[in-house]
Amino acid sequence: MVKIKRLKDCTITDAVNAWNAGFEGYSIDVKMTDDMFLERMVKEDLSVSLSIIAFDDKQPIGIVLNGIREINGKKVAWNGGTGVAKAYRSKGIGKKLVDLSISILKQNGADIATLEVLKENEKAISLYKDMGYKEVGILEYLNLNKALCQNPIPHLRRKVTVKRVLPQQIGKQFFYKGMNPWQTQWQSAKYGEGIIVEDEDGEELGYAYYQRIFNSKGNHLSTILFQCEARPNLESAEEVIYFMLGHIFGDFKNDLNRIVPNLPVRESELTYKVLKQIGFQTAVQQLSMRKELKLPTLSGN
């Protein structure tokens, strides 16, 4: 008989075994060690109280990781992964896990539930739609893992100032995209750096935040770009985005891995266009989905 427990009542070994079994056979290798699992729980603000594990007797066979953040005055939840072991798939266990997760999120006051799913995973997409999730848009994981012969960044024709800030300071910008995918929000850039570009009058033209990854010898291995956005309706928006990318990635002559996770193709259309023009390649496509957990209140006399 299948039983479901909160992660807080399970061991880390159970959680890691459930995760690794639950994502076995997927097109992306997301296998984790105990240390990797704990690091991800902290980095992504995932909660042991909101997350659940399914067991067949004492064997962990399924998992859902959940977290909640407050964004624009609303409690927004994120499903950081739903996995069911191969031998138990197509038996309704995934539905039970997702259904219980939604109940737990509602009990904890969540207004909105969000998740991402591999675009080719039609069974999972169908399940989430049956559970009330709606499609938001396509996300792409981009990377450029080589040096370029020529610097792709054009010269910026206007005078600007670059302010170095913390990612959380960018979260206060009026055009900050707080509902972009969870892993691109400033809260996930815990070891990151940020920049705000201003014109001569101090008007903000754009922002970006990112994280540089170094090895044990201090060598720069890769850079992760979380968000890079120009102010809405800015005539020179494309120039500003190019400029910020040049500030973050340099002249592209170093042999680094440059990563852009879960970029919304529609909502960040211009950033996507510029990255593609530079030479970034699509590694993975995901579908962003969302479910309203609280019905809007109707005002009336």
Protein backbone atom coordinates (compact mmCIF):
# COMPACT_ATOMS: atom_id res chain seq x y z
CA MET A 1 0.00 0.00 0.00
CA VAL A 2 1.31 3.43 -0.97
CA LYS A 3 1.71 5.96 1.84
CA ILE A 4 2.67 9.61 1.50
CA LYS A 5 4.72 11.46 4.12
CA ARG A 6 5.97 15.01 4.53
CA LEU A 7 9.66 15.33 3.73
CA LYS A 8 10.25 16.66 7.25
CA ASP A 9 9.28 13.22 8.58
CA CYS A 10 11.69 11.36 6.26
CA THR A 11 15.45 10.93 6.02
CA ILE A 12 17.61 12.72 3.48
CA THR A 13 18.52 9.32 2.08
CA ASP A 14 14.82 8.60 1.46
CA ALA A 15 14.40 11.95 -0.27
CA VAL A 16 17.45 11.51 -2.52
CA ASN A 17 16.48 7.93 -3.41
CA ALA A 18 12.94 9.08 -4.23
CA TRP A 19 14.30 11.90 -6.39
CA ASN A 20 16.82 9.79 -8.30
CA ALA A 21 14.31 6.98 -8.90
CA GLY A 22 11.58 9.46 -9.81
CA PHE A 23 13.60 11.06 -12.61
CA GLU A 24 15.26 7.92 -13.96
CA GLY A 25 15.08 7.70 -17.74
CA TYR A 26 14.43 11.41 -18.37
CA SER A 27 16.22 13.22 -21.20
CA ILE A 28 18.07 15.36 -18.63
CA ASP A 29 20.26 13.81 -15.97
CA VAL A 30 19.17 15.34 -12.64
CA LYS A 31 20.60 12.66 -10.36
CA MET A 32 21.70 14.10 -7.00
CA THR A 33 23.84 13.19 -4.02
CA ASP A 34 22.79 13.98 -0.44
CA ASP A 35 24.90 17.15 -0.44
CA MET A 36 23.55 18.31 -3.80
CA PHE A 37 19.99 17.75 -2.60
CA LEU A 38 20.49 19.77 0.58
CA GLU A 39 22.21 22.58 -1.33
CA ARG A 40 19.32 22.78 -3.79
CA MET A 41 16.70 22.83 -1.02
CA VAL A 42 18.42 25.88 0.50
CA LYS A 43 19.23 27.67 -2.75
CA GLU A 44 15.71 27.32 -4.17
CA ASP A 45 13.83 28.03 -0.90
CA LEU A 46 12.24 24.58 -0.98
CA SER A 47 10.44 23.50 2.18
CA VAL A 48 10.62 20.16 4.00
CA SER A 49 7.16 20.92 5.44
CA LEU A 50 5.57 21.52 2.03
CA SER A 51 7.35 18.70 0.17
CA ILE A 52 6.18 15.08 0.16
CA ILE A 53 7.47 11.56 -0.53
CA ALA A 54 5.48 8.46 -1.54
CA PHE A 55 6.46 5.06 -0.15
CA ASP A 56 5.58 1.49 -1.08
CA ASP A 57 6.15 -0.12 2.30
CA LYS A 58 9.59 1.31 3.17
CA GLN A 59 10.70 1.99 -0.40
CA PRO A 60 10.55 5.65 -1.56
CA ILE A 61 8.86 5.67 -4.97
CA GLY A 62 7.79 9.26 -5.61
CA ILE A 63 8.46 12.84 -4.61
CA VAL A 64 7.21 16.41 -4.98
CA LEU A 65 9.36 19.33 -3.83
CA ASN A 66 7.55 22.59 -3.02
CA GLY A 67 8.39 26.08 -1.84
CA ILE A 68 6.53 29.35 -1.26
CA ARG A 69 7.74 32.93 -1.76
CA GLU A 70 5.90 36.23 -1.37
CA ILE A 71 5.89 38.10 -4.68
CA ASN A 72 4.02 41.35 -5.26
CA GLY A 73 1.95 40.79 -2.14
CA LYS A 74 0.91 37.26 -3.09
CA LYS A 75 2.12 33.88 -1.86
CA VAL A 76 3.51 32.12 -4.92
CA ALA A 77 4.29 28.40 -4.73
CA TRP A 78 6.66 26.46 -6.94
CA ASN A 79 6.76 22.76 -7.70
CA GLY A 80 10.49 22.11 -7.86
CA GLY A 81 10.05 18.63 -9.27
CA THR A 82 7.52 15.80 -9.38
CA GLY A 83 8.97 12.35 -9.94
CA VAL A 84 7.66 8.78 -9.77
CA ALA A 85 9.83 5.65 -9.99
CA LYS A 86 9.63 3.86 -13.36
CA ALA A 87 7.85 0.75 -12.09
CA TYR A 88 5.11 2.90 -10.52
CA ARG A 89 4.39 5.30 -13.37
CA SER A 90 0.93 5.41 -15.03
CA LYS A 91 -0.65 4.04 -11.85
CA GLY A 92 -2.14 7.26 -10.50
CA ILE A 93 0.63 7.96 -7.99
CA GLY A 94 1.70 11.17 -9.70
CA LYS A 95 -1.89 12.42 -9.56
CA LYS A 96 -2.12 11.61 -5.84
CA LEU A 97 1.13 13.44 -5.15
CA VAL A 98 0.14 16.54 -7.12
CA ASP A 99 -3.36 16.56 -5.62
CA LEU A 100 -1.98 16.37 -2.07
CA SER A 101 0.61 19.03 -2.88
CA ILE A 102 -2.11 21.42 -4.02
CA SER A 103 -4.03 20.80 -0.78
CA ILE A 104 -0.92 21.46 1.31
CA LEU A 105 -0.18 24.67 -0.58
CA LYS A 106 -3.76 25.88 -0.07
CA GLN A 107 -3.54 25.08 3.65
CA ASN A 108 -0.43 27.25 3.80
CA GLY A 109 -2.11 30.23 2.16
CA ALA A 110 -0.61 30.02 -1.33
CA ASP A 111 -2.38 32.17 -3.92
CA ILE A 112 -0.71 30.79 -7.05
CA ALA A 113 0.99 27.49 -7.87
CA THR A 114 3.69 27.43 -10.55
CA LEU A 115 5.83 24.77 -12.20
CA GLU A 116 7.88 23.94 -15.26
CA VAL A 117 7.72 20.70 -17.22
CA LEU A 118 9.78 19.39 -20.14
CA LYS A 119 8.00 20.36 -23.35
CA GLU A 120 8.12 16.80 -24.69
CA ASN A 121 6.65 15.28 -21.50
CA GLU A 122 3.09 15.12 -22.78
CA LYS A 123 1.87 12.78 -20.03
CA ALA A 124 2.97 15.17 -17.29
CA ILE A 125 1.51 18.17 -19.12
CA SER A 126 -1.81 16.34 -19.48
CA LEU A 127 -1.78 15.47 -15.76
CA TYR A 128 -1.14 19.07 -14.74
CA LYS A 129 -3.89 20.33 -17.03
CA ASP A 130 -6.28 17.82 -15.47
CA MET A 131 -5.29 19.26 -12.08
CA GLY A 132 -6.19 22.80 -13.19
CA TYR A 133 -2.82 24.15 -14.34
CA LYS A 134 -2.79 26.36 -17.42
CA GLU A 135 0.00 26.99 -19.93
CA VAL A 136 1.88 30.26 -19.47
CA GLY A 137 4.56 30.02 -22.14
CA ILE A 138 7.69 28.34 -23.47
CA LEU A 139 10.97 28.57 -21.55
CA GLU A 140 14.39 27.85 -23.01
CA TYR A 141 17.61 26.86 -21.28
CA LEU A 142 20.35 28.51 -23.36
CA ASN A 143 24.09 28.13 -23.29
CA LEU A 144 27.23 29.18 -25.13
CA ASN A 145 30.14 26.96 -24.19
CA LYS A 146 32.94 28.27 -26.37
CA ALA A 147 35.00 31.31 -27.24
CA LEU A 148 33.89 33.51 -30.15
CA CYS A 149 36.30 34.75 -32.81
CA GLN A 150 34.79 38.24 -32.81
CA ASN A 151 33.27 40.33 -30.04
CA PRO A 152 29.50 40.37 -30.78
CA ILE A 153 28.79 43.39 -28.56
CA PRO A 154 28.30 46.65 -30.53
CA HIS A 155 29.42 50.01 -29.17
CA LEU A 156 26.75 51.77 -27.10
CA ARG A 157 26.06 55.18 -28.62
CA ARG A 158 24.83 56.85 -25.46
CA LYS A 159 26.57 57.68 -22.21
CA VAL A 160 25.52 55.47 -19.31
CA THR A 161 26.50 54.63 -15.76
CA VAL A 162 26.70 51.09 -14.42
CA LYS A 163 25.76 50.65 -10.77
CA ARG A 164 26.84 47.46 -9.04
CA VAL A 165 24.08 46.20 -6.76
CA LEU A 166 22.88 43.08 -5.00
CA PRO A 167 20.23 40.98 -6.79
CA GLN A 168 17.68 41.75 -4.06
CA GLN A 169 18.02 45.47 -4.82
CA ILE A 170 16.96 44.75 -8.39
CA GLY A 171 13.79 43.19 -7.02
CA LYS A 172 12.66 46.72 -6.11
CA GLN A 173 12.82 48.01 -9.71
CA PHE A 174 9.40 48.91 -11.08
CA PHE A 175 10.01 46.79 -14.19
CA TYR A 176 11.55 43.82 -12.40
CA LYS A 177 9.98 40.59 -13.68
CA GLY A 178 9.07 39.01 -10.36
CA MET A 179 6.84 36.35 -11.92
CA ASN A 180 9.53 35.04 -14.25
CA PRO A 181 10.42 31.40 -13.51
CA TRP A 182 11.33 30.63 -9.89
CA GLN A 183 14.95 29.74 -10.60
CA THR A 184 15.52 33.10 -12.31
CA GLN A 185 14.09 35.22 -9.47
CA TRP A 186 16.51 37.23 -7.33
CA GLN A 187 15.90 34.92 -4.35
CA SER A 188 17.59 32.10 -6.29
CA ALA A 189 20.68 34.21 -7.01
CA LYS A 190 21.98 33.86 -3.46
CA TYR A 191 25.64 34.19 -4.47
CA GLY A 192 24.97 36.52 -7.36
CA GLU A 193 25.93 40.00 -8.52
CA GLY A 194 23.73 42.64 -10.10
CA ILE A 195 23.97 45.75 -12.27
CA ILE A 196 21.60 48.63 -12.99
CA VAL A 197 22.31 50.79 -16.04
CA GLU A 198 21.32 54.46 -15.84
CA ASP A 199 21.42 57.34 -18.33
CA GLU A 200 23.00 60.75 -17.67
CA ASP A 201 19.87 61.90 -15.82
CA GLY A 202 19.88 58.91 -13.49
CA GLU A 203 16.97 57.21 -15.26
CA GLU A 204 17.14 53.43 -15.11
CA LEU A 205 17.55 51.84 -18.53
CA GLY A 206 17.94 48.19 -17.58
CA TYR A 207 19.04 45.64 -15.03
CA ALA A 208 20.72 42.26 -14.93
CA TYR A 209 21.90 39.83 -12.31
CA TYR A 210 24.12 36.81 -12.63
CA GLN A 211 26.50 34.47 -10.82
CA ARG A 212 30.07 33.56 -11.66
CA ILE A 213 31.17 30.00 -10.86
CA PHE A 214 34.78 29.27 -9.87
CA ASN A 215 36.61 26.01 -9.23
CA SER A 216 38.65 25.17 -6.12
CA LYS A 217 41.69 26.90 -7.65
CA GLY A 218 39.78 30.13 -8.21
CA ASN A 219 39.51 29.71 -11.98
CA HIS A 220 36.39 31.14 -13.60
CA LEU A 221 34.47 28.23 -15.16
CA SER A 222 31.03 29.56 -16.00
CA THR A 223 28.57 32.41 -15.63
CA ILE A 224 24.83 31.98 -15.02
CA LEU A 225 22.59 34.83 -16.21
CA PHE A 226 19.32 34.92 -14.27
CA GLN A 227 17.63 37.99 -15.77
CA CYS A 228 18.64 40.76 -18.19
CA GLU A 229 15.88 43.24 -19.00
CA ALA A 230 15.56 46.74 -20.46
CA ARG A 231 13.01 49.28 -19.28
CA PRO A 232 9.66 48.82 -21.09
CA ASN A 233 9.11 50.95 -24.22
CA LEU A 234 12.76 52.06 -24.27
CA GLU A 235 13.81 52.98 -27.83
CA SER A 236 17.38 51.84 -27.25
CA ALA A 237 16.34 48.64 -25.43
CA GLU A 238 18.26 46.30 -27.74
CA GLU A 239 21.44 48.37 -27.41
CA VAL A 240 21.10 48.38 -23.63
CA ILE A 241 20.65 44.61 -23.50
CA TYR A 242 23.73 44.10 -25.69
CA PHE A 243 25.66 46.46 -23.41
CA MET A 244 24.64 44.62 -20.24
CA LEU A 245 25.52 41.25 -21.77
CA GLY A 246 28.92 42.62 -22.70
CA HIS A 247 29.39 43.85 -19.15
CA ILE A 248 28.53 40.41 -17.77
CA PHE A 249 30.19 38.11 -20.30
CA GLY A 250 33.00 40.38 -21.55
CA ASP A 251 34.20 40.11 -25.15
CA PHE A 252 33.32 36.39 -25.42
CA LYS A 253 36.93 35.47 -26.20
CA ASN A 254 37.30 33.27 -23.11
CA ASP A 255 36.42 29.59 -23.21
CA LEU A 256 33.65 29.75 -20.59
CA ASN A 257 30.28 28.09 -20.22
CA ARG A 258 27.66 30.85 -20.36
CA ILE A 259 24.27 29.67 -19.09
CA VAL A 260 20.80 31.25 -19.23
CA PRO A 261 18.25 29.04 -17.42
CA ASN A 262 14.52 29.04 -18.15
CA LEU A 263 14.32 32.20 -20.25
CA PRO A 264 10.67 33.02 -21.13
CA VAL A 265 10.67 33.22 -24.92
CA ARG A 266 7.63 35.52 -25.11
CA GLU A 267 7.90 37.59 -21.92
CA SER A 268 11.63 38.23 -22.48
CA GLU A 269 11.39 38.34 -26.27
CA LEU A 270 14.08 40.97 -26.87
CA THR A 271 16.61 39.39 -24.51
CA TYR A 272 15.98 36.04 -26.19
CA LYS A 273 16.48 37.59 -29.64
CA VAL A 274 19.79 39.21 -28.66
CA LEU A 275 21.15 36.04 -27.02
CA LYS A 276 20.30 34.05 -30.13
CA GLN A 277 21.97 36.65 -32.34
CA ILE A 278 25.12 36.35 -30.24
CA GLY A 279 25.16 32.58 -30.71
CA PHE A 280 23.52 31.05 -27.65
CA GLN A 281 22.02 27.63 -28.36
CA THR A 282 18.87 26.04 -26.99
CA ALA A 283 19.68 23.04 -24.79
CA VAL A 284 16.23 22.38 -23.28
CA GLN A 285 12.69 23.62 -23.80
CA GLN A 286 10.19 23.65 -20.94
CA LEU A 287 6.59 24.68 -20.56
CA SER A 288 5.72 27.11 -17.78
CA MET A 289 2.38 26.36 -16.09
CA ARG A 290 0.33 28.12 -13.43
CA LYS A 291 -2.74 27.43 -11.30
CA GLU A 292 -4.76 29.98 -9.35
CA LEU A 293 -5.37 28.57 -5.88
CA LYS A 294 -7.61 31.35 -4.61
CA LEU A 295 -10.67 32.57 -6.46
CA PRO A 296 -10.70 36.36 -6.95
CA THR A 297 -13.11 38.14 -4.64
CA LEU A 298 -15.97 39.91 -6.37
CA SER A 299 -16.74 43.42 -5.23
CA GLY A 300 -20.36 44.47 -5.12
CA ASN A 301 -22.95 46.48 -3.30
